[in-house]
């Protein structure tokens, strides 16, 4: 397929606008022609910047547009299933941000619909497109450090939690909010599924919320066993204040690989009092700026060349299952074994 792929963004919030700006000029073979958001005020503000040919407040109307080839779904999670199934029936290719859906059954509906109507489905795990994390995968495949024995990954977020995040029945806490990317990364690195997960957590930074939200935790540690014997470890935290932090380690039989960086640039200032100063990464939006572009390029290439997507519906479903089973482990204070 040599034609330009016309894209509609559904959901024009902060994350949605990252995709909007990439599709609106950063991709050779795709262009953003439509935006959709149920908030008319928000839609009008976004239109001032993007100047789109088509605007919609109802995604069902957008899906009737024959000029749209693909959609990018960046809406609240509870809407994903209905939008994706409707888009598949309309013959639109789909990029869907994580979390994929609210339940495993909804994930299956989305996967089945895309298979039935022969459209592409790609999930939004952008770390797989980051050059540092990709190099880590290449090292594993090349056995540069021997056979993998232990995988570690961490994500620490700087932002103060919004009120709804303290209710883990709604937010899931760090396991869902920040560590879903780590869960996907370690599955990708291990090349296997998780057979056991054990999560512990505690509220260290917001003790004033403990009475109202006794289950809330802002810090967690995750231990996993993969079906091929590899051990996985994740640590996650919210409201760390010092900056955004996402790194990984790959321990092999013959060496170790350290993936990612905490510094926002390569500048260090050394002063006469023998201290070293550097700037920390302020946000995930800066750290993964290029990865988001490559993620979009991969989605468009899958459409143009009729190939499989690099992050599949199965990957999205497995991340959801691991979050669910991890929260079960946290609540029940025990390891959970996964069939």
Protein backbone atom coordinates (compact mmCIF):
# COMPACT_ATOMS: atom_id res chain seq x y z
CA UNK A 1 0.00 0.00 0.00
CA UNK A 2 1.55 3.29 -1.15
CA UNK A 3 -1.26 5.64 -0.20
CA UNK A 4 -1.09 8.06 2.71
CA UNK A 5 -2.82 6.61 5.79
CA UNK A 6 -5.48 9.02 7.11
CA UNK A 7 -5.83 8.94 10.88
CA UNK A 8 -8.45 10.07 13.40
CA UNK A 9 -7.54 10.73 17.03
CA UNK A 10 -10.25 9.73 19.52
CA UNK A 11 -9.53 11.39 22.86
CA UNK A 12 -7.78 14.77 22.92
CA UNK A 13 -6.34 14.86 26.44
CA UNK A 14 -2.67 15.19 27.38
CA UNK A 15 -1.64 11.73 26.15
CA UNK A 16 -3.83 12.06 23.08
CA UNK A 17 -2.10 15.27 22.06
CA UNK A 18 1.28 13.52 22.06
CA UNK A 19 -0.07 11.25 19.34
CA UNK A 20 -1.85 14.13 17.58
CA UNK A 21 1.35 16.14 17.19
CA UNK A 22 3.27 13.13 15.92
CA UNK A 23 0.66 12.25 13.31
CA UNK A 24 0.28 15.90 12.36
CA UNK A 25 3.55 16.24 10.47
CA UNK A 26 6.15 13.86 11.95
CA UNK A 27 5.28 10.75 9.91
CA UNK A 28 6.09 10.27 6.23
CA UNK A 29 3.25 7.94 5.36
CA UNK A 30 0.43 9.08 7.64
CA UNK A 31 -1.45 12.25 8.43
CA UNK A 32 -4.00 13.29 11.02
CA UNK A 33 -7.20 14.46 9.34
CA UNK A 34 -9.77 14.17 12.16
CA UNK A 35 -10.13 14.62 15.90
CA UNK A 36 -12.86 13.39 18.24
CA UNK A 37 -13.63 14.33 21.83
CA UNK A 38 -16.98 14.46 23.64
CA UNK A 39 -16.00 17.72 25.38
CA UNK A 40 -16.91 20.44 22.88
CA UNK A 41 -14.79 23.03 24.69
CA UNK A 42 -11.73 20.82 24.65
CA UNK A 43 -12.35 19.93 21.01
CA UNK A 44 -12.49 23.62 20.08
CA UNK A 45 -9.21 24.35 21.89
CA UNK A 46 -7.45 21.47 20.15
CA UNK A 47 -8.84 22.54 16.78
CA UNK A 48 -7.21 25.97 17.22
CA UNK A 49 -3.83 24.26 17.24
CA UNK A 50 -4.37 21.41 14.79
CA UNK A 51 -6.79 22.89 12.24
CA UNK A 52 -8.25 19.50 11.29
CA UNK A 53 -10.48 18.84 8.30
CA UNK A 54 -12.95 16.84 10.41
CA UNK A 55 -14.11 17.25 14.02
CA UNK A 56 -16.44 14.99 15.97
CA UNK A 57 -17.92 14.75 19.46
CA UNK A 58 -19.20 11.20 18.84
CA UNK A 59 -16.75 8.50 17.72
CA UNK A 60 -19.58 6.66 15.95
CA UNK A 61 -19.92 9.57 13.54
CA UNK A 62 -16.16 9.58 12.93
CA UNK A 63 -16.23 5.89 12.05
CA UNK A 64 -18.71 6.62 9.24
CA UNK A 65 -16.10 8.75 7.45
CA UNK A 66 -14.76 6.70 4.52
CA UNK A 67 -11.67 8.91 4.29
CA UNK A 68 -10.42 7.69 7.69
CA UNK A 69 -8.21 4.59 7.46
CA UNK A 70 -7.10 4.24 11.08
CA UNK A 71 -7.90 5.50 14.56
CA UNK A 72 -5.81 6.23 17.63
CA UNK A 73 -7.77 5.55 20.84
CA UNK A 74 -6.69 7.59 23.87
CA UNK A 75 -9.91 7.69 25.88
CA UNK A 76 -10.72 6.53 29.42
CA UNK A 77 -10.17 2.77 29.66
CA UNK A 78 -13.82 1.85 30.16
CA UNK A 79 -14.59 3.12 26.64
CA UNK A 80 -11.88 1.16 24.81
CA UNK A 81 -13.82 -2.02 24.18
CA UNK A 82 -16.82 -0.39 22.52
CA UNK A 83 -14.72 1.98 20.40
CA UNK A 84 -12.32 -0.72 19.20
CA UNK A 85 -15.06 -3.24 18.35
CA UNK A 86 -17.04 -0.57 16.46
CA UNK A 87 -13.91 0.58 14.62
CA UNK A 88 -13.06 -2.99 13.59
CA UNK A 89 -16.57 -3.45 12.19
CA UNK A 90 -16.11 -0.19 10.28
CA UNK A 91 -12.87 -1.50 8.76
CA UNK A 92 -10.57 0.96 10.56
CA UNK A 93 -7.13 -0.08 11.77
CA UNK A 94 -6.63 0.60 15.47
CA UNK A 95 -3.92 1.86 17.76
CA UNK A 96 -5.12 1.66 21.37
CA UNK A 97 -3.35 3.13 24.37
CA UNK A 98 -2.86 1.06 27.50
CA UNK A 99 -4.56 -0.16 29.63
CA UNK A 100 -6.18 -2.17 26.87
CA UNK A 101 -9.53 -2.55 28.65
CA UNK A 102 -11.17 -3.10 32.00
CA UNK A 103 -11.45 -6.88 31.91
CA UNK A 104 -9.95 -9.89 30.18
CA UNK A 105 -13.31 -10.53 28.49
CA UNK A 106 -13.27 -7.03 26.97
CA UNK A 107 -9.75 -7.66 25.67
CA UNK A 108 -10.93 -10.88 24.03
CA UNK A 109 -13.83 -9.02 22.39
CA UNK A 110 -11.39 -6.48 20.94
CA UNK A 111 -8.95 -9.12 19.70
CA UNK A 112 -11.71 -11.23 18.16
CA UNK A 113 -13.31 -8.26 16.40
CA UNK A 114 -10.02 -7.15 14.85
CA UNK A 115 -9.31 -10.69 13.69
CA UNK A 116 -12.83 -11.13 12.26
CA UNK A 117 -12.77 -7.88 10.31
CA UNK A 118 -9.09 -8.19 9.32
CA UNK A 119 -7.83 -4.91 10.78
CA UNK A 120 -4.58 -4.20 12.61
CA UNK A 121 -4.55 -3.74 16.38
CA UNK A 122 -1.50 -2.29 18.13
CA UNK A 123 -1.20 -1.51 21.84
CA UNK A 124 0.61 1.50 23.27
CA UNK A 125 3.68 0.15 25.07
CA UNK A 126 6.17 2.71 23.78
CA UNK A 127 9.20 1.35 25.69
CA UNK A 128 9.47 -1.36 23.07
CA UNK A 129 10.32 1.40 20.59
CA UNK A 130 12.84 3.24 22.76
CA UNK A 131 16.38 2.80 21.40
CA UNK A 132 17.82 1.96 24.82
CA UNK A 133 15.23 -0.70 25.64
CA UNK A 134 15.45 -2.11 22.10
CA UNK A 135 19.21 -2.47 22.50
CA UNK A 136 18.57 -4.42 25.70
CA UNK A 137 16.36 -6.84 23.74
CA UNK A 138 19.04 -7.22 21.06
CA UNK A 139 21.65 -8.05 23.71
CA UNK A 140 19.36 -10.78 25.04
CA UNK A 141 18.76 -12.25 21.59
CA UNK A 142 22.49 -12.16 20.75
CA UNK A 143 23.37 -13.79 24.11
CA UNK A 144 26.04 -11.13 24.63
CA UNK A 145 25.89 -11.66 28.40
CA UNK A 146 25.01 -15.35 28.18
CA UNK A 147 21.69 -16.80 29.23
CA UNK A 148 19.33 -14.44 31.06
CA UNK A 149 18.86 -15.30 34.73
CA UNK A 150 17.34 -12.18 36.32
CA UNK A 151 15.44 -9.20 34.91
CA UNK A 152 14.82 -5.97 36.82
CA UNK A 153 12.76 -2.93 35.90
CA UNK A 154 11.66 0.17 37.75
CA UNK A 155 9.40 3.14 37.23
CA UNK A 156 9.18 6.06 39.64
CA UNK A 157 6.76 8.89 38.89
CA UNK A 158 7.12 12.40 40.33
CA UNK A 159 3.53 13.65 40.28
CA UNK A 160 1.33 14.04 43.34
CA UNK A 161 -1.61 11.61 43.06
CA UNK A 162 -4.99 13.02 42.13
CA UNK A 163 -7.79 12.28 44.58
CA UNK A 164 -9.25 9.39 42.56
CA UNK A 165 -5.85 7.65 42.51
CA UNK A 166 -5.98 7.01 46.26
CA UNK A 167 -8.87 4.59 45.67
CA UNK A 168 -7.03 1.58 44.27
CA UNK A 169 -10.32 -0.02 43.21
CA UNK A 170 -10.33 2.74 40.56
CA UNK A 171 -6.63 3.38 39.95
CA UNK A 172 -4.92 0.11 40.87
CA UNK A 173 -2.10 2.13 42.42
CA UNK A 174 1.48 2.02 41.07
CA UNK A 175 1.16 -1.58 39.82
CA UNK A 176 -1.42 -0.37 37.30
CA UNK A 177 -0.54 3.32 36.95
CA UNK A 178 3.23 3.12 36.45
CA UNK A 179 4.34 -0.52 36.45
CA UNK A 180 2.21 -1.85 33.59
CA UNK A 181 5.07 -0.74 31.32
CA UNK A 182 7.56 -2.68 33.46
CA UNK A 183 5.36 -5.77 33.34
CA UNK A 184 5.25 -5.59 29.55
CA UNK A 185 8.99 -4.91 29.30
CA UNK A 186 9.91 -7.96 31.37
CA UNK A 187 7.51 -10.23 29.43
CA UNK A 188 9.14 -8.93 26.23
CA UNK A 189 12.65 -9.44 27.57
CA UNK A 190 11.93 -12.87 29.06
CA UNK A 191 10.17 -14.14 25.94
CA UNK A 192 7.82 -16.08 28.21
CA UNK A 193 4.71 -15.73 30.33
CA UNK A 194 4.59 -15.19 34.09
CA UNK A 195 3.79 -18.24 36.23
CA UNK A 196 3.96 -16.52 39.64
CA UNK A 197 3.63 -12.95 40.87
CA UNK A 198 4.00 -11.59 44.40
CA UNK A 199 3.43 -7.91 45.23
CA UNK A 200 3.95 -6.02 48.47
CA UNK A 201 3.27 -2.32 48.95
CA UNK A 202 2.97 0.48 51.49
CA UNK A 203 1.84 4.11 51.75
CA UNK A 204 4.93 6.14 52.66
CA UNK A 205 4.28 9.57 51.13
CA UNK A 206 0.62 10.26 51.86
CA UNK A 207 -0.01 9.08 55.45
CA UNK A 208 -2.79 11.65 55.83
CA UNK A 209 -4.85 9.54 53.38
CA UNK A 210 -4.44 6.26 55.28
CA UNK A 211 -7.66 6.55 57.30
CA UNK A 212 -9.85 7.28 54.27
CA UNK A 213 -7.96 4.97 51.89
CA UNK A 214 -6.46 2.16 54.00
CA UNK A 215 -5.52 0.05 50.96
CA UNK A 216 -3.63 2.83 49.19
CA UNK A 217 0.07 2.27 48.55
CA UNK A 218 2.55 4.55 46.80
CA UNK A 219 5.51 2.16 46.72
CA UNK A 220 5.62 -1.49 45.72
CA UNK A 221 7.97 -4.37 45.03
CA UNK A 222 7.06 -7.13 42.60
CA UNK A 223 8.65 -10.57 42.37
CA UNK A 224 7.89 -12.79 39.37
CA UNK A 225 8.78 -16.22 38.04
CA UNK A 226 8.56 -16.83 34.29
CA UNK A 227 7.65 -20.14 32.70
CA UNK A 228 11.20 -20.50 31.34
CA UNK A 229 12.73 -20.10 34.81
CA UNK A 230 13.86 -16.47 34.52
CA UNK A 231 13.31 -14.40 37.67
CA UNK A 232 11.75 -10.93 37.39
CA UNK A 233 11.81 -8.02 39.83
CA UNK A 234 10.00 -4.66 39.59
CA UNK A 235 9.86 -1.68 41.89
CA UNK A 236 7.37 1.11 41.48
CA UNK A 237 6.62 4.37 43.21
CA UNK A 238 4.43 7.45 42.83
CA UNK A 239 5.05 10.99 44.07
CA UNK A 240 8.84 10.56 44.35
CA UNK A 241 9.28 14.28 43.53
CA UNK A 242 12.87 13.96 42.25
CA UNK A 243 11.85 13.37 38.62
CA UNK A 244 10.73 10.63 36.27
CA UNK A 245 12.82 7.47 36.47
CA UNK A 246 12.56 4.35 34.28
CA UNK A 247 15.41 1.84 33.97
CA UNK A 248 16.06 -1.87 33.58
CA UNK A 249 18.78 -4.43 34.20
CA UNK A 250 19.44 -7.73 32.47
CA UNK A 251 21.62 -10.15 34.43
CA UNK A 252 23.08 -13.00 32.39
CA UNK A 253 25.33 -15.93 33.10
CA UNK A 254 28.32 -13.98 31.70
CA UNK A 255 27.55 -10.32 32.40
CA UNK A 256 25.00 -7.58 33.00
CA UNK A 257 23.22 -4.97 30.89
CA UNK A 258 21.99 -1.68 32.33
CA UNK A 259 19.25 -0.01 30.31
CA UNK A 260 18.06 3.61 30.50
CA UNK A 261 19.17 6.72 32.31
CA UNK A 262 17.92 9.08 34.97
CA UNK A 263 19.63 12.24 33.73
CA UNK A 264 17.71 14.55 31.41
CA UNK A 265 20.91 15.38 29.48
CA UNK A 266 24.60 14.49 29.38
CA UNK A 267 25.78 17.55 31.31
CA UNK A 268 27.36 17.25 34.76
CA UNK A 269 28.60 20.23 36.76
CA UNK A 270 31.48 19.61 39.16
CA UNK A 271 32.14 22.44 41.63
CA UNK A 272 35.07 23.32 43.87
CA UNK A 273 33.41 21.70 46.86
CA UNK A 274 33.76 18.39 44.97
CA UNK A 275 30.05 17.89 44.36
CA UNK A 276 28.59 16.66 41.06
CA UNK A 277 25.33 18.18 39.88
CA UNK A 278 23.08 16.94 37.09
CA UNK A 279 19.45 17.44 36.04
CA UNK A 280 16.97 14.59 36.49
CA UNK A 281 14.44 13.55 33.86
CA UNK A 282 11.35 15.76 34.38
CA UNK A 283 8.70 13.67 32.63
CA UNK A 284 7.94 10.54 30.64
CA UNK A 285 6.86 12.82 27.78
CA UNK A 286 10.47 13.95 27.33
CA UNK A 287 12.12 10.58 27.95
CA UNK A 288 9.99 8.78 25.37
CA UNK A 289 9.50 11.59 22.87
CA UNK A 290 11.25 9.75 20.05
CA UNK A 291 9.85 6.38 21.08
CA UNK A 292 6.30 7.67 20.52
CA UNK A 293 7.23 8.64 16.95
CA UNK A 294 8.78 5.23 16.23
CA UNK A 295 5.75 3.54 17.79
CA UNK A 296 3.47 5.41 15.39
CA UNK A 297 5.73 4.60 12.45
CA UNK A 298 5.57 0.90 13.32
CA UNK A 299 1.77 1.00 13.39
CA UNK A 300 1.58 2.71 10.00
CA UNK A 301 4.15 0.32 8.50
CA UNK A 302 2.06 -2.66 9.66
CA UNK A 303 -0.92 -1.20 7.79
CA UNK A 304 1.03 -0.29 4.64
CA UNK A 305 2.88 -3.61 4.37
CA UNK A 306 0.12 -5.83 5.82
CA UNK A 307 2.35 -7.23 8.54
CA UNK A 308 1.68 -8.06 12.17
CA UNK A 309 1.91 -5.32 14.77
CA UNK A 310 4.88 -5.36 17.14
CA UNK A 311 2.71 -4.98 20.27
CA UNK A 312 -0.36 -7.15 19.95
CA UNK A 313 -3.73 -7.47 21.61
CA UNK A 314 -2.35 -10.50 23.47
CA UNK A 315 0.39 -8.29 24.93
CA UNK A 316 -2.23 -5.81 26.10
CA UNK A 317 -4.36 -8.56 27.61
CA UNK A 318 -1.42 -10.13 29.45
CA UNK A 319 -0.46 -6.78 30.99
CA UNK A 320 -4.04 -6.45 32.23
CA UNK A 321 -3.98 -9.96 33.70
CA UNK A 322 -0.68 -9.32 35.49
CA UNK A 323 -1.99 -6.09 37.00
CA UNK A 324 -5.11 -7.91 38.17
CA UNK A 325 -3.22 -10.85 39.67
CA UNK A 326 -0.63 -8.50 41.17
CA UNK A 327 -3.34 -6.57 42.98
CA UNK A 328 -4.81 -9.85 44.17
CA UNK A 329 -1.38 -10.76 45.60
CA UNK A 330 -1.09 -7.36 47.28
CA UNK A 331 -4.53 -7.58 48.92
CA UNK A 332 -4.21 -11.21 50.00
CA UNK A 333 -0.55 -10.88 51.06
CA UNK A 334 0.58 -13.97 49.21
CA UNK A 335 2.10 -15.13 45.92
CA UNK A 336 -0.40 -15.78 43.13
CA UNK A 337 0.23 -18.58 40.65
CA UNK A 338 -1.03 -17.97 37.13
CA UNK A 339 -2.30 -20.72 34.85
